[in-house]
Protein backbone atom coordinates (compact mmCIF):
# COMPACT_ATOMS: atom_id res chain seq x y z
CA MET A 1 -4.92 10.35 -12.99
CA LEU A 2 -4.13 9.89 -9.32
CA ARG A 3 -7.25 9.00 -7.40
CA LEU A 4 -7.86 6.95 -4.30
CA SER A 5 -9.48 3.72 -5.44
CA LYS A 6 -10.62 0.83 -3.25
CA LYS A 7 -7.74 -1.24 -4.60
CA MET A 8 -5.23 1.45 -3.61
CA LEU A 9 -6.75 1.90 -0.16
CA PHE A 10 -6.79 -1.87 0.41
CA ALA A 11 -3.16 -2.24 -0.71
CA ILE A 12 -1.97 0.52 1.64
CA GLU A 13 -4.00 -0.97 4.51
CA ALA A 14 -2.65 -4.47 3.80
CA VAL A 15 1.01 -3.40 3.80
CA LEU A 16 0.42 -1.34 6.95
CA ASP A 17 -1.32 -4.32 8.57
CA ILE A 18 1.62 -6.59 7.74
CA ALA A 19 4.10 -4.07 9.12
CA TYR A 20 2.10 -3.27 12.23
CA HIS A 21 0.91 -6.74 13.21
CA ALA A 22 3.94 -8.77 12.14
CA GLY A 23 5.46 -10.87 14.87
CA SER A 24 7.88 -13.71 14.42
CA GLU A 25 5.62 -15.43 11.86
CA PRO A 26 4.52 -14.16 8.44
CA VAL A 27 1.12 -12.47 8.35
CA GLN A 28 -1.52 -14.61 6.66
CA SER A 29 -3.98 -13.04 4.24
CA ARG A 30 -6.95 -14.37 6.22
CA GLU A 31 -5.69 -12.41 9.24
CA ILE A 32 -5.52 -9.24 7.17
CA THR A 33 -9.04 -9.92 5.89
CA ARG A 34 -10.28 -10.45 9.45
CA ARG A 35 -8.67 -7.30 10.84
CA GLN A 36 -9.23 -4.94 7.91
CA GLY A 37 -12.40 -6.30 6.32
CA ILE A 38 -10.75 -6.33 2.90
CA PRO A 39 -12.48 -8.69 0.45
CA ARG A 40 -10.19 -11.64 -0.25
CA ARG A 41 -10.41 -11.26 -4.05
CA TYR A 42 -9.02 -7.71 -3.88
CA LEU A 43 -6.47 -8.61 -1.26
CA GLU A 44 -4.83 -11.59 -2.95
CA GLN A 45 -4.48 -9.76 -6.26
CA ALA A 46 -2.89 -6.74 -4.56
CA LEU A 47 -0.59 -8.85 -2.37
CA GLN A 48 0.73 -10.82 -5.34
CA GLN A 49 1.48 -7.63 -7.25
CA LEU A 50 3.23 -6.16 -4.20
CA VAL A 51 5.35 -9.33 -4.01
CA ARG A 52 6.25 -9.07 -7.72
CA GLN A 53 7.30 -5.45 -7.23
CA GLY A 54 9.53 -6.19 -4.22
CA ILE A 55 7.47 -4.55 -1.49
CA LEU A 56 6.40 -7.83 0.12
CA ILE A 57 7.80 -11.34 0.32
CA GLY A 58 5.43 -14.29 0.03
CA VAL A 59 6.25 -17.18 2.37
CA ARG A 60 4.87 -20.57 1.29
CA GLY A 61 3.72 -23.39 3.49
CA PRO A 62 1.13 -24.05 6.19
CA ARG A 63 2.46 -21.23 8.37
CA GLY A 64 3.16 -19.03 5.36
CA GLY A 65 1.93 -15.57 4.62
CA TYR A 66 3.54 -12.24 3.87
CA ARG A 67 6.43 -10.20 5.23
CA LEU A 68 7.82 -6.84 4.24
CA ALA A 69 10.59 -7.18 1.65
CA ARG A 70 12.58 -4.40 3.30
CA GLU A 71 12.49 -2.36 6.49
CA ARG A 72 9.26 -0.48 7.02
CA ARG A 73 11.14 2.81 7.07
CA ARG A 74 12.28 2.03 3.52
CA ILE A 75 8.80 1.47 2.07
CA THR A 76 6.76 4.57 1.24
CA VAL A 77 3.09 5.04 0.59
CA GLY A 78 4.22 6.30 -2.83
CA ASP A 79 5.80 2.90 -3.55
CA ILE A 80 2.46 1.19 -2.94
CA VAL A 81 0.49 3.78 -4.91
CA THR A 82 2.82 3.31 -7.89
CA VAL A 83 2.26 -0.47 -7.86
CA VAL A 84 -1.52 -0.14 -7.68
CA ARG A 85 -1.63 2.52 -10.41
CA LYS A 86 0.11 0.03 -12.72
CA MET A 87 -2.53 -2.59 -11.83
CA GLU A 88 -5.49 -0.37 -12.58
CA THR A 89 -6.47 -0.40 -16.22
CA THR A 90 -8.62 2.70 -16.49
CA GLU A 91 -7.41 5.15 -19.09
CA ASP A 92 -5.94 8.37 -17.83
CA PRO A 93 -7.69 11.37 -19.46
CA ILE A 94 -4.51 13.40 -18.93
CA THR A 95 -2.75 11.37 -21.63
CA ASP A 96 -5.56 11.87 -24.17
CA THR A 97 -4.17 13.87 -27.11
CA GLU A 98 -7.53 15.37 -28.00
CA GLY A 99 -9.08 18.35 -26.28
CA SER A 100 -9.37 22.09 -26.26
CA GLU A 101 -6.35 24.37 -26.29
CA LEU A 102 -7.14 25.52 -22.75
CA GLY A 103 -7.45 21.92 -21.60
CA LEU A 104 -4.24 20.77 -23.28
CA LYS A 105 -2.08 23.79 -22.40
CA VAL A 106 -3.48 24.95 -19.06
CA VAL A 107 -5.72 22.47 -17.22
CA ARG A 108 -3.82 19.23 -17.91
CA PRO A 109 -0.40 20.70 -17.05
CA LEU A 110 -1.91 22.04 -13.81
CA TRP A 111 -3.32 18.60 -13.01
CA LEU A 112 0.01 16.91 -13.76
CA GLU A 113 1.76 19.40 -11.48
CA LEU A 114 -0.69 18.65 -8.67
CA GLN A 115 -0.23 14.89 -9.16
CA GLU A 116 3.54 15.31 -8.92
CA GLU A 117 3.15 17.25 -5.66
CA VAL A 118 0.86 14.59 -4.19
CA MET A 119 3.24 11.80 -5.23
CA ALA A 120 6.17 13.70 -3.68
CA LYS A 121 4.25 13.87 -0.39
CA LEU A 122 3.33 10.17 -0.60
CA GLU A 123 6.99 9.31 -1.26
CA ALA A 124 7.89 11.14 1.97
CA ILE A 125 5.51 9.10 4.14
CA THR A 126 6.90 5.72 5.15
CA ILE A 127 5.12 2.66 6.45
CA ASP A 128 7.07 3.25 9.67
CA ASP A 129 5.42 6.70 9.92
CA LEU A 130 1.99 5.07 9.57
CA CYS A 131 2.88 2.41 12.16
CA ASN A 132 3.84 5.18 14.57
CA ARG A 133 0.50 6.90 13.89
CA ALA A 134 -1.34 3.65 14.56
CA ASN A 135 0.55 3.19 17.82
CA SER A 136 -0.16 6.80 18.85
CA SER A 137 -3.84 6.21 18.07
CA GLY A 138 -3.93 3.39 20.59
CA ILE A 139 -4.33 0.56 18.07
CA GLU A 140 -2.98 -2.62 19.62
CA SER A 141 -0.52 -4.64 17.54
CA GLU A 142 -1.45 -8.31 17.53
CA GLY A 143 2.11 -9.20 16.52
CA ARG A 144 3.70 -7.45 19.46
CA SER A 145 1.22 -8.92 21.93
CA ASN A 146 2.05 -12.43 20.63
CA LEU A 147 5.80 -12.06 21.10
CA ASP A 148 7.22 -13.93 24.09
CA PHE A 149 10.60 -12.78 25.36
CA SER A 150 11.06 -15.46 28.01
CA ILE A 151 14.08 -17.73 27.83
């Protein structure tokens, strides 16, 4: 069942943070924790899974951190939601084979249809769209303010 969990919210916020605040250096998880208030235990687990699924790239070393694995206009909220749904272990009642005839033939198909519509909308929203919303909301990008264009 598609529901907004803390893990899902944190993963979306973390990827958006990386995209929005990235400068010339990778974004470190402690910076994401500082800016977003995401508990480190949730964050590291989500970031590693996002790396394994090709949404982020982990950069090792003292100045390491995370970068987007592809352009922010090529990463959708749906991509992140799909990764987190695989991480979450709660059973989906939709897949339960037991239930009433009304539940199995009417309610569950309706719920599946709604989930498909929501996922289609999430697949249409890119991280670039969210970055533009953040910019329009007046949120300052730490990455852009740290860039120096002098020669």
